[in-house]
Amino acid sequence: MHELSLASAVIDTAVRHADGRRVTAVHLRVGHLRQVVPASLLFYFEHVARGTPCEEARLTFDEVPARMRCEGCDHGWVLDDVQFRCPACGSAAVEVVAGEEFEVDWISVEQLEESCTA
């Protein structure tokens, strides 16, 4: 159910950056290690967006693969399973290089019509 709090944070961020304009689309970068359930995130996004400038906005996202790096031999790899050991040397001294992201990549907003000054 953490998707509810994630959806709320996304809405807050989009509304803050929309500067009073209606948001038509929000695009996220979501790391594989965040364990976000896409259907739940979409459901909660639509629910939380009601009555905000994000109502009826389209939510899309790219999944960022989990990438690791061994601190011992400097080998890098994409994490395909739950094995957090270096496949080159077997060391457990590894760090996550990518895959923990959860960020608003971009938003699309309606342009405000300019007033006629003539």
Protein backbone atom coordinates (compact mmCIF):
# COMPACT_ATOMS: atom_id res chain seq x y z
CA MET A 1 0.00 0.00 0.00
CA HIS A 2 3.01 2.31 -0.13
CA GLU A 3 1.80 3.20 -3.63
CA LEU A 4 -0.78 5.52 -2.00
CA SER A 5 1.94 7.62 -0.36
CA LEU A 6 4.02 7.51 -3.56
CA ALA A 7 1.05 8.71 -5.62
CA SER A 8 0.44 11.54 -3.15
CA ALA A 9 4.09 12.62 -3.37
CA VAL A 10 3.95 12.57 -7.19
CA ILE A 11 0.79 14.69 -7.20
CA ASP A 12 2.32 17.17 -4.73
CA THR A 13 5.46 17.50 -6.85
CA ALA A 14 3.55 17.91 -10.12
CA VAL A 15 1.15 20.50 -8.69
CA ARG A 16 4.01 22.48 -7.17
CA HIS A 17 5.83 22.65 -10.51
CA ALA A 18 2.69 23.24 -12.62
CA ASP A 19 2.38 26.74 -11.17
CA GLY A 20 -1.41 26.85 -11.32
CA ARG A 21 -1.74 25.16 -14.72
CA ARG A 22 -3.60 21.90 -15.38
CA VAL A 23 -1.28 18.88 -15.55
CA THR A 24 -1.96 16.64 -18.56
CA ALA A 25 0.81 14.07 -18.09
CA VAL A 26 3.35 12.95 -15.52
CA HIS A 27 6.30 10.69 -16.34
CA LEU A 28 8.28 8.86 -13.65
CA ARG A 29 11.55 6.95 -13.43
CA VAL A 30 11.02 4.01 -11.08
CA GLY A 31 13.89 1.79 -9.97
CA HIS A 32 13.40 -1.97 -10.03
CA LEU A 33 14.38 -2.22 -6.36
CA ARG A 34 11.54 0.14 -5.32
CA GLN A 35 9.10 -2.76 -5.77
CA VAL A 36 6.31 -0.54 -7.05
CA VAL A 37 3.23 -2.36 -8.35
CA PRO A 38 2.32 -0.42 -11.53
CA ALA A 39 -1.43 -1.16 -11.39
CA SER A 40 -1.62 -0.02 -7.75
CA LEU A 41 0.33 3.15 -8.47
CA LEU A 42 -1.98 4.00 -11.39
CA PHE A 43 -5.07 3.32 -9.26
CA TYR A 44 -3.91 5.52 -6.38
CA PHE A 45 -2.67 8.24 -8.72
CA GLU A 46 -6.15 8.54 -10.27
CA HIS A 47 -7.76 8.49 -6.82
CA VAL A 48 -5.47 11.10 -5.25
CA ALA A 49 -5.55 13.32 -8.36
CA ARG A 50 -9.31 13.95 -8.06
CA GLY A 51 -10.00 17.61 -7.47
CA THR A 52 -6.39 18.65 -8.17
CA PRO A 53 -4.72 20.10 -11.28
CA CYS A 54 -3.59 16.51 -11.99
CA GLU A 55 -7.13 15.18 -12.42
CA GLU A 56 -7.31 13.19 -15.67
CA ALA A 57 -3.53 13.46 -16.16
CA ARG A 58 -1.85 10.48 -17.81
CA LEU A 59 0.75 8.71 -15.65
CA THR A 60 3.58 6.89 -17.40
CA PHE A 61 6.90 5.57 -16.19
CA ASP A 62 10.12 3.86 -17.17
CA GLU A 63 11.57 1.13 -14.99
CA VAL A 64 15.24 1.60 -14.18
CA PRO A 65 17.04 -1.77 -13.97
CA ALA A 66 18.98 -2.55 -10.80
CA ARG A 67 22.69 -2.19 -11.49
CA MET A 68 25.37 -3.26 -9.04
CA ARG A 69 29.12 -2.74 -8.63
CA CYS A 70 31.59 -4.83 -6.71
CA GLU A 71 33.72 -2.78 -4.33
CA GLY A 72 36.48 -5.42 -4.46
CA CYS A 73 37.03 -6.04 -8.19
CA ASP A 74 35.01 -3.09 -9.64
CA HIS A 75 32.89 -5.46 -11.77
CA GLY A 76 29.47 -4.01 -12.71
CA TRP A 77 26.32 -5.91 -13.64
CA VAL A 78 22.55 -5.73 -13.95
CA LEU A 79 20.86 -7.52 -11.07
CA ASP A 80 18.62 -10.22 -12.56
CA ASP A 81 17.82 -12.16 -9.40
CA VAL A 82 18.06 -11.67 -5.68
CA GLN A 83 21.74 -12.70 -5.49
CA PHE A 84 23.66 -9.73 -4.08
CA ARG A 85 27.13 -11.22 -4.63
CA CYS A 86 29.58 -10.27 -7.34
CA PRO A 87 29.31 -12.80 -10.19
CA ALA A 88 32.98 -12.22 -11.04
CA CYS A 89 34.68 -12.72 -7.65
CA GLY A 90 31.89 -13.79 -5.26
CA SER A 91 32.36 -10.83 -2.92
CA ALA A 92 29.40 -9.60 -0.87
CA ALA A 93 30.93 -6.10 -0.71
CA VAL A 94 28.74 -4.64 -3.44
CA GLU A 95 26.88 -1.37 -3.91
CA VAL A 96 23.70 -0.45 -5.73
CA VAL A 97 24.55 1.88 -8.63
CA ALA A 98 21.03 2.22 -10.03
CA GLY A 99 17.56 0.83 -9.39
CA GLU A 100 16.45 2.69 -6.27
CA GLU A 101 15.10 5.73 -8.11
CA PHE A 102 11.61 7.09 -7.70
CA GLU A 103 11.48 10.47 -9.36
CA VAL A 104 9.27 12.66 -11.47
CA ASP A 105 11.15 12.84 -14.77
CA TRP A 106 8.86 15.39 -16.45
CA ILE A 107 5.36 16.83 -16.42
CA SER A 108 3.25 18.22 -19.23
CA VAL A 109 0.94 21.15 -18.49
CA GLU A 110 -1.62 23.18 -20.38
CA GLN A 111 -0.37 26.59 -21.39
CA LEU A 112 -2.24 29.54 -19.95
CA GLU A 113 -3.73 31.80 -22.57
CA GLU A 114 -2.16 35.21 -22.60
CA SER A 115 -4.38 38.24 -22.19
CA CYS A 116 -4.82 40.58 -25.09
CA THR A 117 -3.14 43.90 -24.25
CA ALA A 118 -4.31 45.79 -27.36
